[in-house]
Amino acid sequence: MPNKILGMTIAVQQMESTLAFYTQLFDLHFEAVEQYGSTLYQAQWSGLQILLCPAALAQNTAKQNRHQLDLEVENIEAKVALVEQWGGTLMGPIAEANGIRQVGIYDPDRNSLVLKERLDQ
């Protein structure tokens, strides 16, 4: 199975106007999700899960990417080895929850991504 993109998180500073923008321009139907003591908004966009997350919650400033891709991989350990081999870094250890192993990474330019491996494969 090839690697594929599952979702994208957008760190948002002006939630109401950004929510309206994506809703009106792309006919997305967002659902409020309570996580981490805050309200986030998710929608499906051409099979891709889009998550609008308050930038303050994500502790995201314009100094790094404001979009974060979630990527499904087959062998997370092999991918982690390649991340480190090619100048990337890990945000923390590989974690497991709800049948998924995942780890946040930074590319060499400090753009963040999340690698996910399904355990039911």
N, C-alpha and C. Protein backbone atom coordinates (compact mmCIF):
# COMPACT_ATOMS: atom_id res chain seq x y z
N MET A 1 0.86 -1.18 0.00
CA MET A 1 0.00 0.00 0.00
C MET A 1 0.90 1.24 0.00
N PRO A 2 0.67 2.16 -0.90
CA PRO A 2 1.48 3.38 -0.92
C PRO A 2 1.10 4.31 0.23
N ASN A 3 1.98 5.24 0.53
CA ASN A 3 1.67 6.25 1.53
C ASN A 3 0.54 7.12 0.98
N LYS A 4 -0.34 7.57 1.88
CA LYS A 4 -1.42 8.46 1.43
C LYS A 4 -1.73 9.48 2.50
N ILE A 5 -2.20 10.61 2.07
CA ILE A 5 -2.56 11.70 2.97
C ILE A 5 -3.94 11.43 3.54
N LEU A 6 -4.09 11.52 4.87
CA LEU A 6 -5.37 11.28 5.54
C LEU A 6 -6.07 12.58 5.93
N GLY A 7 -5.32 13.55 6.41
CA GLY A 7 -5.96 14.76 6.90
C GLY A 7 -4.98 15.91 6.98
N MET A 8 -5.54 17.09 7.22
CA MET A 8 -4.73 18.29 7.34
C MET A 8 -5.30 19.17 8.44
N THR A 9 -4.42 19.63 9.32
CA THR A 9 -4.80 20.56 10.37
C THR A 9 -4.33 21.95 9.98
N ILE A 10 -5.23 22.92 10.11
CA ILE A 10 -4.90 24.30 9.81
C ILE A 10 -4.95 25.09 11.10
N ALA A 11 -3.82 25.65 11.50
CA ALA A 11 -3.76 26.49 12.70
C ALA A 11 -4.38 27.84 12.34
N VAL A 12 -5.39 28.24 13.11
CA VAL A 12 -6.19 29.41 12.77
C VAL A 12 -6.14 30.45 13.88
N GLN A 13 -5.91 31.69 13.51
CA GLN A 13 -5.93 32.77 14.49
C GLN A 13 -7.31 33.44 14.55
N GLN A 14 -7.99 33.52 13.43
CA GLN A 14 -9.31 34.15 13.38
C GLN A 14 -10.33 33.08 13.00
N MET A 15 -10.78 32.33 14.00
CA MET A 15 -11.59 31.14 13.75
C MET A 15 -12.89 31.43 13.02
N GLU A 16 -13.66 32.40 13.47
CA GLU A 16 -14.97 32.64 12.86
C GLU A 16 -14.87 33.00 11.38
N SER A 17 -13.96 33.89 11.04
CA SER A 17 -13.85 34.29 9.64
C SER A 17 -13.25 33.17 8.78
N THR A 18 -12.32 32.39 9.34
CA THR A 18 -11.75 31.28 8.59
C THR A 18 -12.78 30.18 8.38
N LEU A 19 -13.56 29.89 9.39
CA LEU A 19 -14.63 28.91 9.28
C LEU A 19 -15.63 29.33 8.20
N ALA A 20 -16.02 30.59 8.21
CA ALA A 20 -16.94 31.11 7.20
C ALA A 20 -16.32 31.03 5.80
N PHE A 21 -15.04 31.36 5.68
CA PHE A 21 -14.34 31.33 4.40
C PHE A 21 -14.40 29.94 3.78
N TYR A 22 -13.97 28.91 4.51
CA TYR A 22 -13.96 27.55 3.97
C TYR A 22 -15.37 27.01 3.73
N THR A 23 -16.30 27.40 4.59
CA THR A 23 -17.69 26.96 4.42
C THR A 23 -18.28 27.54 3.15
N GLN A 24 -18.09 28.83 2.94
CA GLN A 24 -18.70 29.51 1.80
C GLN A 24 -17.99 29.23 0.49
N LEU A 25 -16.68 29.25 0.48
CA LEU A 25 -15.95 29.07 -0.76
C LEU A 25 -15.94 27.64 -1.26
N PHE A 26 -15.90 26.67 -0.34
CA PHE A 26 -15.75 25.28 -0.73
C PHE A 26 -16.90 24.39 -0.33
N ASP A 27 -17.97 24.98 0.21
CA ASP A 27 -19.17 24.25 0.61
C ASP A 27 -18.84 23.11 1.59
N LEU A 28 -17.93 23.40 2.52
CA LEU A 28 -17.59 22.42 3.53
C LEU A 28 -18.57 22.53 4.69
N HIS A 29 -18.89 21.42 5.29
CA HIS A 29 -19.82 21.38 6.41
C HIS A 29 -19.04 20.96 7.66
N PHE A 30 -18.70 21.94 8.47
CA PHE A 30 -17.86 21.70 9.65
C PHE A 30 -18.69 21.25 10.84
N GLU A 31 -18.07 20.41 11.65
CA GLU A 31 -18.66 19.92 12.88
C GLU A 31 -17.74 20.35 14.02
N ALA A 32 -18.34 20.94 15.05
CA ALA A 32 -17.55 21.34 16.22
C ALA A 32 -17.13 20.11 17.00
N VAL A 33 -15.87 20.10 17.43
CA VAL A 33 -15.30 19.00 18.21
C VAL A 33 -14.61 19.60 19.42
N GLU A 34 -14.98 19.14 20.60
CA GLU A 34 -14.35 19.62 21.83
C GLU A 34 -13.13 18.74 22.12
N GLN A 35 -11.95 19.35 22.09
CA GLN A 35 -10.71 18.64 22.41
C GLN A 35 -9.77 19.59 23.12
N TYR A 36 -9.02 19.06 24.06
CA TYR A 36 -7.99 19.82 24.75
C TYR A 36 -8.52 21.10 25.40
N GLY A 37 -9.78 21.09 25.82
CA GLY A 37 -10.39 22.25 26.45
C GLY A 37 -10.70 23.37 25.49
N SER A 38 -10.81 23.06 24.22
CA SER A 38 -11.07 24.07 23.20
C SER A 38 -12.01 23.49 22.14
N THR A 39 -12.55 24.36 21.30
CA THR A 39 -13.41 23.92 20.21
C THR A 39 -12.62 23.94 18.91
N LEU A 40 -12.59 22.80 18.24
CA LEU A 40 -11.97 22.66 16.93
C LEU A 40 -13.09 22.34 15.95
N TYR A 41 -12.85 22.48 14.67
CA TYR A 41 -13.87 22.24 13.66
C TYR A 41 -13.30 21.32 12.59
N GLN A 42 -14.07 20.26 12.27
CA GLN A 42 -13.61 19.30 11.27
C GLN A 42 -14.63 19.15 10.16
N ALA A 43 -14.12 18.82 8.97
CA ALA A 43 -14.96 18.59 7.80
C ALA A 43 -14.23 17.63 6.87
N GLN A 44 -14.98 16.97 6.02
CA GLN A 44 -14.41 16.13 4.97
C GLN A 44 -14.34 16.97 3.69
N TRP A 45 -13.20 16.93 3.05
CA TRP A 45 -12.99 17.71 1.83
C TRP A 45 -12.34 16.78 0.81
N SER A 46 -13.13 16.29 -0.12
CA SER A 46 -12.65 15.36 -1.14
C SER A 46 -11.95 14.16 -0.52
N GLY A 47 -12.53 13.64 0.54
CA GLY A 47 -11.96 12.48 1.21
C GLY A 47 -10.86 12.81 2.21
N LEU A 48 -10.50 14.08 2.32
CA LEU A 48 -9.46 14.52 3.24
C LEU A 48 -10.11 15.15 4.46
N GLN A 49 -9.70 14.75 5.66
CA GLN A 49 -10.24 15.38 6.87
C GLN A 49 -9.49 16.68 7.12
N ILE A 50 -10.22 17.77 7.15
CA ILE A 50 -9.66 19.08 7.44
C ILE A 50 -10.04 19.43 8.88
N LEU A 51 -9.07 19.85 9.67
CA LEU A 51 -9.32 20.24 11.05
C LEU A 51 -8.83 21.66 11.25
N LEU A 52 -9.74 22.55 11.65
CA LEU A 52 -9.38 23.92 11.99
C LEU A 52 -9.13 23.96 13.49
N CYS A 53 -7.92 24.33 13.86
CA CYS A 53 -7.47 24.31 15.25
C CYS A 53 -7.02 25.71 15.63
N PRO A 54 -7.45 26.22 16.79
CA PRO A 54 -6.96 27.54 17.22
C PRO A 54 -5.43 27.55 17.26
N ALA A 55 -4.82 28.55 16.64
CA ALA A 55 -3.36 28.64 16.60
C ALA A 55 -2.77 28.69 18.00
N ALA A 56 -3.46 29.36 18.92
CA ALA A 56 -2.95 29.44 20.29
C ALA A 56 -2.89 28.05 20.93
N LEU A 57 -3.91 27.22 20.68
CA LEU A 57 -3.92 25.87 21.22
C LEU A 57 -2.76 25.06 20.63
N ALA A 58 -2.55 25.21 19.35
CA ALA A 58 -1.46 24.49 18.68
C ALA A 58 -0.10 25.12 18.97
N GLN A 59 -0.12 26.24 19.66
CA GLN A 59 1.11 27.00 19.94
C GLN A 59 1.87 27.25 18.65
N ASN A 60 1.11 27.60 17.62
CA ASN A 60 1.66 27.79 16.29
C ASN A 60 1.77 29.27 15.97
N THR A 61 2.93 29.68 15.57
CA THR A 61 3.14 31.03 15.10
C THR A 61 3.49 30.94 13.62
N ALA A 62 3.50 32.04 12.95
CA ALA A 62 3.79 32.05 11.51
C ALA A 62 5.25 31.69 11.22
N LYS A 63 6.04 31.40 12.25
CA LYS A 63 7.43 31.04 12.05
C LYS A 63 7.59 29.63 11.49
N GLN A 64 6.53 28.85 11.49
CA GLN A 64 6.56 27.51 10.91
C GLN A 64 5.27 27.31 10.13
N ASN A 65 5.11 26.12 9.56
CA ASN A 65 3.91 25.88 8.77
C ASN A 65 2.64 26.10 9.58
N ARG A 66 1.57 26.46 8.91
CA ARG A 66 0.28 26.61 9.55
C ARG A 66 -0.66 25.49 9.12
N HIS A 67 -0.16 24.57 8.33
CA HIS A 67 -0.91 23.39 7.91
C HIS A 67 -0.10 22.17 8.31
N GLN A 68 -0.77 21.15 8.78
CA GLN A 68 -0.07 19.93 9.18
C GLN A 68 -0.74 18.74 8.53
N LEU A 69 0.00 17.98 7.77
CA LEU A 69 -0.53 16.80 7.11
C LEU A 69 -0.44 15.60 8.02
N ASP A 70 -1.45 14.73 7.98
CA ASP A 70 -1.43 13.43 8.62
C ASP A 70 -1.23 12.42 7.51
N LEU A 71 -0.21 11.59 7.63
CA LEU A 71 0.14 10.66 6.57
C LEU A 71 0.06 9.23 7.06
N GLU A 72 -0.69 8.38 6.35
CA GLU A 72 -0.76 6.97 6.70
C GLU A 72 0.45 6.26 6.12
N VAL A 73 1.12 5.50 6.97
CA VAL A 73 2.30 4.74 6.54
C VAL A 73 2.13 3.28 6.95
N GLU A 74 2.90 2.40 6.31
CA GLU A 74 2.80 0.98 6.62
C GLU A 74 3.70 0.56 7.77
N ASN A 75 4.87 1.14 7.88
CA ASN A 75 5.83 0.73 8.90
C ASN A 75 6.39 1.99 9.54
N ILE A 76 5.83 2.38 10.68
CA ILE A 76 6.18 3.65 11.29
C ILE A 76 7.64 3.70 11.74
N GLU A 77 8.18 2.58 12.21
CA GLU A 77 9.58 2.56 12.63
C GLU A 77 10.51 2.83 11.46
N ALA A 78 10.22 2.24 10.31
CA ALA A 78 11.04 2.46 9.12
C ALA A 78 10.98 3.93 8.70
N LYS A 79 9.80 4.52 8.78
CA LYS A 79 9.65 5.93 8.41
C LYS A 79 10.41 6.82 9.39
N VAL A 80 10.33 6.51 10.69
CA VAL A 80 11.05 7.29 11.70
C VAL A 80 12.55 7.24 11.42
N ALA A 81 13.05 6.08 11.05
CA ALA A 81 14.48 5.96 10.73
C ALA A 81 14.84 6.86 9.55
N LEU A 82 13.97 6.91 8.56
CA LEU A 82 14.23 7.77 7.40
C LEU A 82 14.13 9.25 7.77
N VAL A 83 13.18 9.59 8.65
CA VAL A 83 13.06 10.98 9.10
C VAL A 83 14.38 11.43 9.70
N GLU A 84 14.91 10.63 10.60
CA GLU A 84 16.16 10.98 11.28
C GLU A 84 17.34 10.95 10.31
N GLN A 85 17.31 10.02 9.38
CA GLN A 85 18.40 9.90 8.40
C GLN A 85 18.48 11.12 7.48
N TRP A 86 17.35 11.68 7.15
CA TRP A 86 17.31 12.76 6.18
C TRP A 86 17.13 14.14 6.82
N GLY A 87 17.50 14.29 8.08
CA GLY A 87 17.55 15.62 8.69
C GLY A 87 16.30 16.07 9.41
N GLY A 88 15.32 15.19 9.57
CA GLY A 88 14.12 15.53 10.33
C GLY A 88 14.30 15.20 11.80
N THR A 89 13.33 15.59 12.60
CA THR A 89 13.37 15.28 14.04
C THR A 89 12.00 14.82 14.50
N LEU A 90 11.97 14.12 15.61
CA LEU A 90 10.72 13.66 16.21
C LEU A 90 10.23 14.68 17.22
N MET A 91 8.91 14.81 17.33
CA MET A 91 8.31 15.67 18.35
C MET A 91 8.27 14.96 19.69
N GLY A 92 8.25 13.66 19.65
CA GLY A 92 8.16 12.85 20.85
C GLY A 92 8.17 11.39 20.45
N PRO A 93 7.87 10.49 21.38
CA PRO A 93 7.88 9.07 21.07
C PRO A 93 6.63 8.66 20.28
N ILE A 94 6.71 7.50 19.67
CA ILE A 94 5.55 6.92 19.00
C ILE A 94 4.51 6.60 20.06
N ALA A 95 3.27 7.02 19.81
CA ALA A 95 2.17 6.78 20.75
C ALA A 95 1.13 5.87 20.09
N GLU A 96 0.35 5.19 20.92
CA GLU A 96 -0.69 4.30 20.42
C GLU A 96 -2.01 4.61 21.09
N ALA A 97 -3.06 4.73 20.27
CA ALA A 97 -4.42 4.95 20.78
C ALA A 97 -5.42 4.56 19.71
N ASN A 98 -6.50 3.94 20.14
CA ASN A 98 -7.61 3.60 19.25
C ASN A 98 -7.17 2.85 18.00
N GLY A 99 -6.25 1.92 18.15
CA GLY A 99 -5.82 1.10 17.03
C GLY A 99 -4.88 1.79 16.06
N ILE A 100 -4.32 2.91 16.48
CA ILE A 100 -3.41 3.65 15.61
C ILE A 100 -2.15 4.00 16.38
N ARG A 101 -1.02 3.78 15.75
CA ARG A 101 0.26 4.25 16.28
C ARG A 101 0.59 5.53 15.53
N GLN A 102 1.07 6.54 16.24
CA GLN A 102 1.38 7.80 15.57
C GLN A 102 2.54 8.51 16.23
N VAL A 103 3.16 9.36 15.43
CA VAL A 103 4.26 10.17 15.93
C VAL A 103 4.29 11.48 15.13
N GLY A 104 4.52 12.56 15.84
CA GLY A 104 4.70 13.85 15.19
C GLY A 104 6.16 14.02 14.82
N ILE A 105 6.40 14.61 13.65
CA ILE A 105 7.76 14.84 13.19
C ILE A 105 7.88 16.26 12.64
N TYR A 106 9.11 16.71 12.54
CA TYR A 106 9.43 17.95 11.84
C TYR A 106 10.32 17.61 10.66
N ASP A 107 10.08 18.26 9.52
CA ASP A 107 11.01 18.13 8.42
C ASP A 107 12.21 19.03 8.69
N PRO A 108 13.22 19.04 7.85
CA PRO A 108 14.40 19.87 8.14
C PRO A 108 14.10 21.36 8.28
N ASP A 109 13.01 21.80 7.71
CA ASP A 109 12.62 23.21 7.79
C ASP A 109 11.67 23.48 8.96
N ARG A 110 11.46 22.48 9.80
CA ARG A 110 10.60 22.54 10.99
C ARG A 110 9.11 22.60 10.66
N ASN A 111 8.70 22.14 9.50
CA ASN A 111 7.28 21.96 9.20
C ASN A 111 6.85 20.66 9.85
N SER A 112 5.71 20.66 10.52
CA SER A 112 5.28 19.47 11.24
C SER A 112 4.35 18.60 10.41
N LEU A 113 4.46 17.30 10.66
CA LEU A 113 3.64 16.27 10.03
C LEU A 113 3.34 15.22 11.10
N VAL A 114 2.30 14.43 10.88
CA VAL A 114 2.01 13.31 11.78
C VAL A 114 1.97 12.04 10.94
N LEU A 115 2.79 11.07 11.32
CA LEU A 115 2.79 9.76 10.68
C LEU A 115 1.89 8.84 11.48
N LYS A 116 1.02 8.09 10.79
CA LYS A 116 0.08 7.19 11.46
C LYS A 116 0.12 5.82 10.81
N GLU A 117 0.11 4.80 11.66
CA GLU A 117 0.07 3.42 11.21
C GLU A 117 -1.10 2.72 11.87
N ARG A 118 -1.98 2.16 11.05
CA ARG A 118 -3.12 1.40 11.59
C ARG A 118 -2.63 0.03 12.07
N LEU A 119 -3.10 -0.36 13.24
CA LEU A 119 -2.68 -1.65 13.80
C LEU A 119 -3.48 -2.81 13.25
N ASP A 120 -4.61 -2.54 12.62
CA ASP A 120 -5.48 -3.61 12.10
C ASP A 120 -5.08 -4.08 10.71
N GLN A 121 -3.94 -3.66 10.22
CA GLN A 121 -3.50 -4.07 8.87
C GLN A 121 -2.93 -5.45 8.86
